Structures are given as structure tokens and as C-alpha cells.
């Protein structure tokens, strides 16, 4: 799956988790915590939503890779495109 296909899905997940975030205002290179009131519980919910949406297991050790939109997109793309990664199917 290409990042261009992943980004809109991640934006929809973020909007569902934190309705006060306007997806168009997200700077993909900046940490979500630096841009919005995105706390550790939001990160946990984001990880769970990514897991459900893309069928990949997201371990707690991977949460730093979900800190910004670009990083999260790269993480998902890598996990989906890497053979031998733990996925549950999409």
C-alpha cells in the first residue's frame, strides 16, 4: 500500500479520535503533541485504531513512530509492505 493511500485513512482516524483536530491544519512533519492537545491516551487510541483499520499489531514500543502524521504513515507503509511482519490482514 502506498503512503498516498494511507494518509487519508490516518487523517480520518485522527478526526475520529480527536474531533477538535481539523485534518487540513495538521503539519505532517510535526509531532501531534506539539500541534494539538494530543496526550498519551490519544496515542493509545490512535494505535488501536491503526491496528483495527490496517490489520497490523502496533506494540507499545512503536508508539513513538506514531507521533506525527508522516511518521505514522511511514510506519504503516513499512509494516504493510514488509514480509514476515505480524499482520492480521487488511
C-alpha atoms as a PDB file:
ATOM      1  CA  UNK A   1       0.000   0.000   0.000  1.00  0.00           C
ATOM      2  CA  UNK A   2       1.299   3.438  -0.939  1.00  0.00           C
ATOM      3  CA  UNK A   3       1.591   6.354   1.524  1.00  0.00           C
ATOM      4  CA  UNK A   4      -0.841   8.370  -0.617  1.00  0.00           C
ATOM      5  CA  UNK A   5      -3.450   5.714   0.177  1.00  0.00           C
ATOM      6  CA  UNK A   6      -2.584   5.574   3.872  1.00  0.00           C
ATOM      7  CA  UNK A   7      -2.602   9.281   4.717  1.00  0.00           C
ATOM      8  CA  UNK A   8      -6.349   9.922   4.197  1.00  0.00           C
ATOM      9  CA  UNK A   9      -7.187   6.903   6.316  1.00  0.00           C
ATOM     10  CA  UNK A  10      -4.899   8.110   9.109  1.00  0.00           C
ATOM     11  CA  UNK A  11      -6.472  11.572   8.921  1.00  0.00           C
ATOM     12  CA  UNK A  12      -9.920  10.033   9.301  1.00  0.00           C
ATOM     13  CA  UNK A  13      -8.728   8.062  12.335  1.00  0.00           C
ATOM     14  CA  UNK A  14      -7.269  11.191  13.911  1.00  0.00           C
ATOM     15  CA  UNK A  15     -10.501  13.113  13.308  1.00  0.00           C
ATOM     16  CA  UNK A  16     -12.487  10.330  14.968  1.00  0.00           C
ATOM     17  CA  UNK A  17     -10.156  10.174  17.983  1.00  0.00           C
ATOM     18  CA  UNK A  18      -9.755  13.906  18.470  1.00  0.00           C
ATOM     19  CA  UNK A  19     -12.723  15.710  16.870  1.00  0.00           C
ATOM     20  CA  UNK A  20     -11.227  19.100  17.744  1.00  0.00           C
ATOM     21  CA  UNK A  21      -8.385  18.452  15.277  1.00  0.00           C
ATOM     22  CA  UNK A  22      -9.019  19.897  11.841  1.00  0.00           C
ATOM     23  CA  UNK A  23      -7.316  17.430   9.459  1.00  0.00           C
ATOM     24  CA  UNK A  24      -6.412  20.183   6.990  1.00  0.00           C
ATOM     25  CA  UNK A  25      -4.474  22.015   9.702  1.00  0.00           C
ATOM     26  CA  UNK A  26      -2.149  19.115  10.517  1.00  0.00           C
ATOM     27  CA  UNK A  27       1.508  19.674   9.674  1.00  0.00           C
ATOM     28  CA  UNK A  28       2.537  16.117   8.773  1.00  0.00           C
ATOM     29  CA  UNK A  29       6.158  16.673   9.846  1.00  0.00           C
ATOM     30  CA  UNK A  30       5.398  17.963  13.349  1.00  0.00           C
ATOM     31  CA  UNK A  31       4.557  15.962  16.445  1.00  0.00           C
ATOM     32  CA  UNK A  32       0.842  15.826  17.150  1.00  0.00           C
ATOM     33  CA  UNK A  33       1.573  16.752  20.787  1.00  0.00           C
ATOM     34  CA  UNK A  34       3.253  19.951  19.627  1.00  0.00           C
ATOM     35  CA  UNK A  35       0.311  20.906  17.415  1.00  0.00           C
ATOM     36  CA  UNK A  36      -2.695  19.809  19.454  1.00  0.00           C
ATOM     37  CA  UNK A  37      -3.705  18.634  22.895  1.00  0.00           C
ATOM     38  CA  UNK A  38      -2.823  15.062  21.873  1.00  0.00           C
ATOM     39  CA  UNK A  39      -1.919  13.118  25.006  1.00  0.00           C
ATOM     40  CA  UNK A  40      -0.840   9.564  25.818  1.00  0.00           C
ATOM     41  CA  UNK A  41      -4.440   8.294  25.838  1.00  0.00           C
ATOM     42  CA  UNK A  42      -4.961   9.772  22.379  1.00  0.00           C
ATOM     43  CA  UNK A  43      -1.804   7.962  21.237  1.00  0.00           C
ATOM     44  CA  UNK A  44      -3.140   4.706  22.684  1.00  0.00           C
ATOM     45  CA  UNK A  45      -6.461   5.195  20.869  1.00  0.00           C
ATOM     46  CA  UNK A  46      -4.632   6.117  17.653  1.00  0.00           C
ATOM     47  CA  UNK A  47      -2.527   2.943  17.878  1.00  0.00           C
ATOM     48  CA  UNK A  48      -5.634   0.823  18.485  1.00  0.00           C
ATOM     49  CA  UNK A  49      -7.437   2.476  15.573  1.00  0.00           C
ATOM     50  CA  UNK A  50      -4.451   1.886  13.266  1.00  0.00           C
ATOM     51  CA  UNK A  51      -4.371  -1.724  14.353  1.00  0.00           C
ATOM     52  CA  UNK A  52      -8.057  -2.174  13.582  1.00  0.00           C
ATOM     53  CA  UNK A  53      -8.017  -0.185  10.327  1.00  0.00           C
ATOM     54  CA  UNK A  54      -4.939  -1.770   8.775  1.00  0.00           C
ATOM     55  CA  UNK A  55      -4.892  -5.153  10.499  1.00  0.00           C
ATOM     56  CA  UNK A  56      -1.425  -4.747  11.978  1.00  0.00           C
ATOM     57  CA  UNK A  57      -0.290  -5.243  15.531  1.00  0.00           C
ATOM     58  CA  UNK A  58       1.043  -1.996  16.983  1.00  0.00           C
ATOM     59  CA  UNK A  59       3.166  -2.600  20.055  1.00  0.00           C
ATOM     60  CA  UNK A  60       3.657  -0.007  22.761  1.00  0.00           C
ATOM     61  CA  UNK A  61       7.331   0.200  21.795  1.00  0.00           C
ATOM     62  CA  UNK A  62       6.175   1.524  18.402  1.00  0.00           C
ATOM     63  CA  UNK A  63       4.111   4.424  19.769  1.00  0.00           C
ATOM     64  CA  UNK A  64       6.914   6.988  19.182  1.00  0.00           C
ATOM     65  CA  UNK A  65       6.638   6.161  15.480  1.00  0.00           C
ATOM     66  CA  UNK A  66       3.024   7.373  15.589  1.00  0.00           C
ATOM     67  CA  UNK A  67       3.891  10.806  16.970  1.00  0.00           C
ATOM     68  CA  UNK A  68       3.356  12.659  13.697  1.00  0.00           C
ATOM     69  CA  UNK A  69       1.313  12.062  10.575  1.00  0.00           C
ATOM     70  CA  UNK A  70       4.298  11.466   8.274  1.00  0.00           C
ATOM     71  CA  UNK A  71       5.959   9.136  10.753  1.00  0.00           C
ATOM     72  CA  UNK A  72       2.729   7.201  11.273  1.00  0.00           C
ATOM     73  CA  UNK A  73       2.230   6.900   7.523  1.00  0.00           C
ATOM     74  CA  UNK A  74       5.778   5.587   7.055  1.00  0.00           C
ATOM     75  CA  UNK A  75       5.284   3.160   9.945  1.00  0.00           C
ATOM     76  CA  UNK A  76       2.058   1.749   8.499  1.00  0.00           C
ATOM     77  CA  UNK A  77       3.502   1.509   4.975  1.00  0.00           C
ATOM     78  CA  UNK A  78       6.580  -0.306   6.271  1.00  0.00           C
ATOM     79  CA  UNK A  79       4.514  -2.716   8.336  1.00  0.00           C
ATOM     80  CA  UNK A  80       2.139  -3.464   5.469  1.00  0.00           C
ATOM     81  CA  UNK A  81       4.894  -3.913   2.901  1.00  0.00           C
ATOM     82  CA  UNK A  82       7.380  -5.915   4.992  1.00  0.00           C
ATOM     83  CA  UNK A  83       7.247  -9.685   4.672  1.00  0.00           C
ATOM     84  CA  UNK A  84       7.317 -11.514   7.956  1.00  0.00           C
ATOM     85  CA  UNK A  85       5.754  -8.634   9.902  1.00  0.00           C
ATOM     86  CA  UNK A  86       2.940  -9.503  12.248  1.00  0.00           C
ATOM     87  CA  UNK A  87      -0.268  -8.511  10.469  1.00  0.00           C
ATOM     88  CA  UNK A  88      -3.792  -9.717  10.813  1.00  0.00           C
ATOM     89  CA  UNK A  89      -4.756  -8.980   7.211  1.00  0.00           C
ATOM     90  CA  UNK A  90      -6.387  -5.934   5.728  1.00  0.00           C
END
